[in-house]
Amino acid sequence: MADKVIPILHQARAARAPARRYDGGAIADTLGRPIRDLRISVTDRCNFRCVYCMPREVFDANYKFLPHSEVLSFEEIARLARIFVGIGVKKIRLTGGEPLVRRGLERLVAMLAPLGADLTLTTNGSLLAKQAKALKEAGLARITVSLDSLDDATFRAINDADYPVAKVLEAIEAAATVGLAPVKVNMVVKRGANDGEIVAMARHFRGSGHIVRFIEYMDVGSTNGWRMDDVVPSAEVVRRIAEAFPLEPADPNYAGEVAERWRYRDGAGEIGVISSVTQAFCGTCNRLRLSTEGSLFTCLFAQSGHDLKSLLRGGASDAEIVDEIAALWRARGDRYSEIRTAETAKQRKVEMSYIGG
């Protein structure tokens, strides 16, 4: 797997002194941030080749994805999720790659639902219409669908899989029909590519009960050719929409929520903006990311991860795994978006398709 665009995984125990035993209290990192959100990548594969995430020139027919034996089983994922919930995680989001390409995902959902965390999933929507009912019945609470354009030609160019907008819109309605609502619709905005559709996207979902979230184009990974000139600041997004549909700020749903909420003054719903580049929210970031092969990442922009799979498959007890996670989090000082520069943006980082967004 030497050609894989991922960091070298660390055996965290070998790198430091024995971990302090977890005492059952709240766990905070070096900046006082608690553990709250866990994102679990269930596959490194995707049926799209979105240009900002899995560009085809890198993720081509010769690209070596993880073999099945290296991927965490549903049972292993469920065990780790239970451990994380026990130390403070309140929300679990299933990601990929494209999570719905993993066969039988509703079985994993059924294993995670009884843990009591808010259980959600992010998808490109291509396989959602057929699976929405089973996912809801298994215990999935809500769903987020990525949709970067309403213009069919633009959308096909972005996903680079010739997939039509109409099918994604049908999937959104299918999800809402079975109760996976409100559906959140994520639009990554890139200047010169799709920023001309910001107001159109807001208009389309206004009054629908769904929530569009406009995401600043980020320098995630090392393959998407990110430049600051491509970023449309969230403040500009809000201004453009407000000129057509007056907005007012809304309070966050919970501490550490990454999306800044704005509601339409006429009561027609709300939008969100995620401003990782221009308004860094590192100070309240409480997210952990578990990769497909069981590596734990404490930042979306990390260069390396920490191997938990070896503990799982090496016979470690739950208490030993808890101690390891607690020690990793207590040592965490990540604040990449606050210190981003043109040079750090060029550094080798884990690909978003490997650990989810």
Protein backbone atom coordinates (compact mmCIF):
# COMPACT_ATOMS: atom_id res chain seq x y z
CA MET A 1 0.00 0.00 0.00
CA ALA A 2 3.03 2.28 -0.42
CA ASP A 3 1.31 4.16 -3.24
CA LYS A 4 -1.73 4.97 -1.14
CA VAL A 5 -2.21 8.69 -0.45
CA ILE A 6 -2.50 8.34 3.30
CA PRO A 7 -0.19 9.06 6.24
CA ILE A 8 1.99 6.50 7.92
CA LEU A 9 -0.02 5.20 10.85
CA HIS A 10 1.45 5.53 14.29
CA GLN A 11 1.58 2.95 17.02
CA ALA A 12 0.82 5.52 19.69
CA ARG A 13 1.86 3.38 22.64
CA ALA A 14 5.38 2.99 21.36
CA ALA A 15 5.79 6.72 21.03
CA ARG A 16 5.25 7.77 24.61
CA ALA A 17 5.21 6.67 28.24
CA PRO A 18 2.42 4.41 29.54
CA ALA A 19 -0.96 6.12 29.38
CA ARG A 20 -2.59 7.52 32.49
CA ARG A 21 -5.53 5.38 33.50
CA TYR A 22 -8.93 6.77 32.57
CA ASP A 23 -10.72 7.72 35.77
CA GLY A 24 -14.26 7.94 34.40
CA GLY A 25 -14.42 11.73 34.32
CA ALA A 26 -14.79 14.13 31.43
CA ILE A 27 -11.94 14.05 28.90
CA ALA A 28 -10.61 17.35 27.57
CA ASP A 29 -7.71 18.08 25.23
CA THR A 30 -4.91 20.62 25.79
CA LEU A 31 -7.26 23.45 24.75
CA GLY A 32 -10.09 22.29 27.00
CA ARG A 33 -12.19 20.79 24.19
CA PRO A 34 -14.27 17.74 25.18
CA ILE A 35 -14.96 14.65 23.10
CA ARG A 36 -18.42 14.82 21.56
CA ASP A 37 -18.63 13.82 17.87
CA LEU A 38 -17.31 10.66 16.21
CA ARG A 39 -17.18 10.22 12.45
CA ILE A 40 -16.75 6.64 11.26
CA SER A 41 -15.57 5.91 7.72
CA VAL A 42 -17.00 2.53 6.74
CA THR A 43 -15.30 2.33 3.33
CA ASP A 44 -12.56 4.06 1.37
CA ARG A 45 -14.42 3.39 -1.91
CA CYS A 46 -16.83 5.66 -3.76
CA ASN A 47 -18.80 5.47 -7.00
CA PHE A 48 -18.19 9.19 -7.68
CA ARG A 49 -14.91 10.89 -8.55
CA CYS A 50 -15.64 14.38 -7.29
CA VAL A 51 -12.85 16.68 -8.37
CA TYR A 52 -12.32 18.17 -4.89
CA CYS A 53 -12.29 14.83 -3.09
CA MET A 54 -11.32 11.84 -5.27
CA PRO A 55 -9.98 13.25 -8.54
CA ARG A 56 -9.97 10.58 -11.23
CA GLU A 57 -6.37 11.20 -12.21
CA VAL A 58 -5.36 9.92 -8.75
CA PHE A 59 -8.16 7.50 -7.93
CA ASP A 60 -8.09 5.71 -11.27
CA ALA A 61 -8.51 2.08 -12.29
CA ASN A 62 -5.04 1.28 -10.93
CA TYR A 63 -5.60 2.80 -7.50
CA LYS A 64 -5.24 0.23 -4.73
CA PHE A 65 -8.10 0.42 -2.26
CA LEU A 66 -8.00 -1.40 1.06
CA PRO A 67 -8.37 -5.18 0.92
CA HIS A 68 -11.34 -6.57 2.82
CA SER A 69 -9.15 -8.07 5.53
CA GLU A 70 -7.83 -4.61 6.48
CA VAL A 71 -11.26 -3.01 6.84
CA LEU A 72 -12.89 -2.97 10.27
CA SER A 73 -15.79 -5.38 10.57
CA PHE A 74 -19.21 -4.15 11.71
CA GLU A 75 -18.59 -5.89 15.03
CA GLU A 76 -15.29 -4.07 15.50
CA ILE A 77 -16.86 -0.73 14.61
CA ALA A 78 -19.73 -1.34 17.02
CA ARG A 79 -17.33 -2.20 19.83
CA LEU A 80 -15.32 0.97 19.34
CA ALA A 81 -18.49 3.06 19.03
CA ARG A 82 -19.74 1.67 22.35
CA ILE A 83 -16.41 2.56 23.95
CA PHE A 84 -16.56 6.10 22.55
CA VAL A 85 -20.11 6.65 23.75
CA GLY A 86 -18.98 5.52 27.18
CA ILE A 87 -16.42 8.34 27.35
CA GLY A 88 -18.58 11.18 26.10
CA VAL A 89 -19.49 10.83 22.41
CA LYS A 90 -23.03 12.10 21.76
CA LYS A 91 -23.15 11.97 17.98
CA ILE A 92 -22.00 9.35 15.48
CA ARG A 93 -21.88 10.03 11.75
CA LEU A 94 -21.23 7.26 9.21
CA THR A 95 -19.14 8.37 6.26
CA GLY A 96 -16.88 6.98 3.54
CA GLY A 97 -15.88 7.19 0.72
CA GLU A 98 -19.51 6.62 -0.05
CA PRO A 99 -20.90 4.66 2.92
CA LEU A 100 -23.81 3.14 1.02
CA VAL A 101 -21.47 1.15 -1.23
CA ARG A 102 -20.65 -0.95 1.85
CA ARG A 103 -22.94 -3.96 1.64
CA GLY A 104 -25.46 -4.48 4.43
CA LEU A 105 -24.88 -1.12 6.09
CA GLU A 106 -28.31 -1.25 7.72
CA ARG A 107 -26.96 -4.07 9.88
CA LEU A 108 -24.29 -1.77 11.29
CA VAL A 109 -26.91 0.93 11.86
CA ALA A 110 -28.98 -1.57 13.84
CA MET A 111 -25.93 -2.36 15.98
CA LEU A 112 -25.19 1.31 16.68
CA ALA A 113 -28.72 2.63 17.23
CA PRO A 114 -29.15 1.15 20.76
CA LEU A 115 -26.08 3.07 21.98
CA GLY A 116 -28.22 6.18 22.34
CA ALA A 117 -26.03 8.58 20.35
CA ASP A 118 -27.46 10.78 17.62
CA LEU A 119 -26.88 8.51 14.62
CA THR A 120 -26.53 10.12 11.20
CA LEU A 121 -25.01 9.39 7.78
CA THR A 122 -23.54 11.43 4.91
CA THR A 123 -24.06 10.18 1.35
CA ASN A 124 -23.81 11.34 -2.25
CA GLY A 125 -27.38 10.11 -2.68
CA SER A 126 -26.78 7.76 -5.58
CA LEU A 127 -27.82 4.63 -3.66
CA LEU A 128 -30.04 6.29 -1.09
CA ALA A 129 -33.48 5.88 -2.63
CA LYS A 130 -33.22 2.08 -2.50
CA GLN A 131 -31.77 1.97 1.01
CA ALA A 132 -33.54 4.81 2.84
CA LYS A 133 -36.39 2.70 4.25
CA ALA A 134 -34.09 -0.05 5.55
CA LEU A 135 -31.75 2.49 7.12
CA LYS A 136 -34.61 4.26 8.89
CA GLU A 137 -36.07 0.99 10.15
CA ALA A 138 -32.64 -0.03 11.45
CA GLY A 139 -32.48 3.12 13.58
CA LEU A 140 -30.80 5.86 11.52
CA ALA A 141 -32.02 9.23 12.80
CA ARG A 142 -31.11 11.67 10.03
CA ILE A 143 -29.21 11.94 6.78
CA THR A 144 -27.03 14.44 4.97
CA VAL A 145 -26.83 14.45 1.17
CA SER A 146 -24.00 16.07 -0.79
CA LEU A 147 -25.23 18.10 -3.76
CA ASP A 148 -22.89 20.68 -5.27
CA SER A 149 -25.03 21.95 -8.11
CA LEU A 150 -28.58 21.96 -9.44
CA ASP A 151 -27.36 22.45 -12.98
CA ASP A 152 -27.11 18.99 -14.49
CA ALA A 153 -24.05 19.63 -16.66
CA THR A 154 -22.18 21.25 -13.78
CA PHE A 155 -23.11 18.49 -11.37
CA ARG A 156 -22.04 15.74 -13.78
CA ALA A 157 -18.72 17.53 -14.28
CA ILE A 158 -18.13 17.81 -10.52
CA ASN A 159 -19.02 14.21 -9.67
CA ASP A 160 -17.15 12.98 -12.77
CA ALA A 161 -19.36 9.90 -12.89
CA ASP A 162 -22.01 11.25 -15.26
CA TYR A 163 -24.60 11.06 -12.47
CA PRO A 164 -27.68 13.30 -12.91
CA VAL A 165 -29.02 15.86 -10.45
CA ALA A 166 -32.56 14.52 -10.78
CA LYS A 167 -31.63 11.21 -9.18
CA VAL A 168 -30.13 12.93 -6.14
CA LEU A 169 -33.23 15.10 -5.74
CA GLU A 170 -35.38 11.97 -5.91
CA ALA A 171 -33.23 10.37 -3.20
CA ILE A 172 -33.63 13.40 -0.93
CA GLU A 173 -37.41 13.13 -1.19
CA ALA A 174 -37.28 9.37 -0.65
CA ALA A 175 -35.30 9.91 2.55
CA ALA A 176 -37.75 12.53 3.78
CA THR A 177 -40.71 10.28 2.98
CA VAL A 178 -39.45 7.50 5.26
CA GLY A 179 -38.74 9.95 8.09
CA LEU A 180 -35.03 10.75 7.69
CA ALA A 181 -35.81 14.43 8.05
CA PRO A 182 -34.98 17.20 8.03
CA VAL A 183 -32.53 16.27 5.29
CA LYS A 184 -29.37 18.36 5.30
CA VAL A 185 -28.01 19.17 1.85
CA ASN A 186 -24.29 19.99 1.69
CA MET A 187 -22.95 22.18 -1.11
CA VAL A 188 -19.18 22.66 -1.34
CA VAL A 189 -18.76 26.06 -2.98
CA LYS A 190 -15.80 26.65 -5.29
CA ARG A 191 -15.35 29.98 -7.02
CA GLY A 192 -15.66 29.72 -10.76
CA ALA A 193 -17.11 26.21 -10.58
CA ASN A 194 -20.50 26.47 -8.89
CA ASP A 195 -20.65 29.70 -6.90
CA GLY A 196 -23.08 31.13 -9.44
CA GLU A 197 -25.68 28.72 -8.09
CA ILE A 198 -25.64 29.74 -4.43
CA VAL A 199 -28.91 31.66 -4.58
CA ALA A 200 -30.52 29.06 -6.85
CA MET A 201 -29.69 26.33 -4.33
CA ALA A 202 -31.16 28.37 -1.49
CA ARG A 203 -34.27 29.13 -3.55
CA HIS A 204 -34.82 25.49 -4.48
CA PHE A 205 -34.86 24.21 -0.90
CA ARG A 206 -36.47 27.26 0.73
CA GLY A 207 -39.72 26.19 2.37
CA SER A 208 -39.03 22.49 1.75
CA GLY A 209 -38.14 21.63 5.32
CA HIS A 210 -34.65 20.62 4.18
CA ILE A 211 -31.56 22.58 5.28
CA VAL A 212 -28.89 23.60 2.78
CA ARG A 213 -25.40 24.08 4.19
CA PHE A 214 -22.83 25.95 2.13
CA ILE A 215 -19.28 24.71 2.80
CA GLU A 216 -16.13 26.66 2.05
CA TYR A 217 -13.81 24.79 -0.30
CA MET A 218 -11.07 23.35 1.93
CA ASP A 219 -7.50 22.14 1.53
CA VAL A 220 -8.33 18.63 2.69
CA GLY A 221 -5.80 16.02 1.58
CA SER A 222 -3.07 16.55 -0.98
CA THR A 223 -4.72 15.86 -4.32
CA ASN A 224 -7.41 18.47 -4.96
CA GLY A 225 -5.17 21.36 -6.03
CA TRP A 226 -6.63 23.76 -3.44
CA ARG A 227 -5.96 27.50 -3.74
CA MET A 228 -7.22 30.31 -1.53
CA ASP A 229 -8.48 32.08 -4.65
CA ASP A 230 -11.01 29.25 -5.09
CA VAL A 231 -12.63 29.91 -1.70
CA VAL A 232 -15.92 31.79 -1.53
CA PRO A 233 -16.10 33.15 2.04
CA SER A 234 -19.23 32.22 3.96
CA ALA A 235 -19.85 35.92 4.62
CA GLU A 236 -20.21 36.38 0.86
CA VAL A 237 -22.55 33.39 0.64
CA VAL A 238 -24.80 34.82 3.36
CA ARG A 239 -24.75 38.25 1.73
CA ARG A 240 -25.76 36.89 -1.67
CA ILE A 241 -28.65 34.89 -0.25
CA ALA A 242 -29.80 37.69 2.04
CA GLU A 243 -30.06 40.05 -0.93
CA ALA A 244 -32.70 37.73 -2.37
CA PHE A 245 -34.23 36.36 0.83
CA PRO A 246 -33.66 38.35 4.05
CA LEU A 247 -31.90 36.35 6.76
CA GLU A 248 -31.30 36.64 10.48
CA PRO A 249 -28.82 34.71 12.65
CA ALA A 250 -30.03 31.69 14.62
CA ASP A 251 -28.54 30.20 17.76
CA PRO A 252 -26.46 26.99 17.44
CA ASN A 253 -28.20 23.73 18.23
CA TYR A 254 -25.38 22.74 20.59
CA ALA A 255 -21.95 23.89 21.73
CA GLY A 256 -19.32 23.22 19.09
CA GLU A 257 -21.72 23.02 16.15
CA VAL A 258 -19.64 23.69 13.04
CA ALA A 259 -22.42 25.15 10.91
CA GLU A 260 -23.38 28.75 11.57
CA ARG A 261 -27.17 28.90 11.29
CA TRP A 262 -29.22 31.57 9.52
CA ARG A 263 -33.01 31.55 9.22
CA TYR A 264 -35.25 33.23 6.69
CA ARG A 265 -37.06 36.16 8.26
CA ASP A 266 -40.33 35.09 6.66
CA GLY A 267 -40.18 31.70 8.39
CA ALA A 268 -39.37 29.67 5.26
CA GLY A 269 -36.68 27.63 6.99
CA GLU A 270 -32.95 28.03 7.46
CA ILE A 271 -29.54 27.65 5.85
CA GLY A 272 -26.12 26.95 7.33
CA VAL A 273 -22.58 27.97 6.43
CA ILE A 274 -19.44 26.06 7.34
CA SER A 275 -16.44 28.39 7.37
CA SER A 276 -13.38 26.29 8.11
CA VAL A 277 -11.14 28.55 6.03
CA THR A 278 -12.22 32.13 6.75
CA GLN A 279 -13.75 31.77 10.22
CA ALA A 280 -11.90 28.86 11.81
CA PHE A 281 -13.84 27.06 14.55
CA CYS A 282 -10.92 25.03 15.89
CA GLY A 283 -11.47 26.48 19.36
CA THR A 284 -14.66 24.48 19.80
CA CYS A 285 -13.85 21.44 17.62
CA ASN A 286 -14.81 18.25 19.44
CA ARG A 287 -14.58 15.71 16.61
CA LEU A 288 -12.75 12.44 16.26
CA ARG A 289 -12.51 10.47 13.02
CA LEU A 290 -12.14 6.70 12.74
CA SER A 291 -10.79 5.54 9.40
CA THR A 292 -11.93 2.50 7.45
CA GLU A 293 -9.00 0.45 8.71
CA GLY A 294 -9.26 1.53 12.32
CA SER A 295 -6.94 4.51 12.59
CA LEU A 296 -8.01 7.38 14.84
CA PHE A 297 -7.55 10.96 13.61
CA THR A 298 -7.94 13.97 15.88
CA CYS A 299 -8.18 16.51 13.03
CA LEU A 300 -9.61 16.56 9.50
CA PHE A 301 -6.29 17.99 8.30
CA ALA A 302 -4.06 15.52 10.14
CA GLN A 303 -0.88 14.10 8.67
CA SER A 304 -1.00 10.90 10.71
CA GLY A 305 -3.37 8.69 12.65
CA HIS A 306 -3.25 6.35 15.63
CA ASP A 307 -3.76 2.63 15.15
CA LEU A 308 -6.69 1.21 17.15
CA LYS A 309 -7.19 -1.86 14.98
CA SER A 310 -4.07 -3.48 16.40
CA LEU A 311 -5.55 -3.12 19.87
CA LEU A 312 -8.87 -4.59 18.74
CA ARG A 313 -7.28 -7.56 17.02
CA GLY A 314 -4.49 -7.95 19.56
CA GLY A 315 -6.75 -8.83 22.45
CA ALA A 316 -6.80 -5.49 24.29
CA SER A 317 -9.58 -5.04 26.83
CA ASP A 318 -12.13 -2.24 26.63
CA ALA A 319 -10.37 -0.54 29.55
CA GLU A 320 -7.03 -0.61 27.72
CA ILE A 321 -8.60 0.87 24.60
CA VAL A 322 -10.28 3.58 26.69
CA ASP A 323 -6.95 4.46 28.28
CA GLU A 324 -5.35 4.76 24.86
CA ILE A 325 -8.12 7.00 23.46
CA ALA A 326 -8.15 9.17 26.59
CA ALA A 327 -4.39 9.66 26.41
CA LEU A 328 -4.55 10.59 22.72
CA TRP A 329 -7.31 13.12 23.30
CA ARG A 330 -5.64 14.67 26.34
CA ALA A 331 -2.52 15.25 24.24
CA ARG A 332 -4.48 16.79 21.36
CA GLY A 333 -3.60 20.35 20.39
CA ASP A 334 -4.85 20.45 16.79
CA ARG A 335 -5.91 23.84 15.41
CA TYR A 336 -4.95 23.61 11.75
CA SER A 337 -7.51 26.06 10.36
CA GLU A 338 -6.37 28.76 12.76
CA ILE A 339 -2.75 28.52 11.57
CA ARG A 340 -3.35 27.68 7.88
CA THR A 341 -0.93 29.30 5.42
CA ALA A 342 -0.23 28.84 1.74
CA GLU A 343 2.66 26.59 2.75
CA THR A 344 0.73 24.40 5.22
CA ALA A 345 -1.93 23.97 2.55
CA LYS A 346 0.70 22.23 0.40
CA GLN A 347 1.68 19.76 3.12
CA ARG A 348 0.85 16.09 2.74
CA LYS A 349 -2.38 15.37 4.63
CA VAL A 350 -4.81 12.49 4.94
CA GLU A 351 -7.32 12.36 2.08
CA MET A 352 -10.93 13.21 2.91
CA SER A 353 -12.12 10.09 1.10
CA TYR A 354 -10.16 8.03 3.64
CA ILE A 355 -11.58 9.51 6.84
CA GLY A 356 -14.79 11.18 5.68
CA GLY A 357 -15.52 14.91 5.66
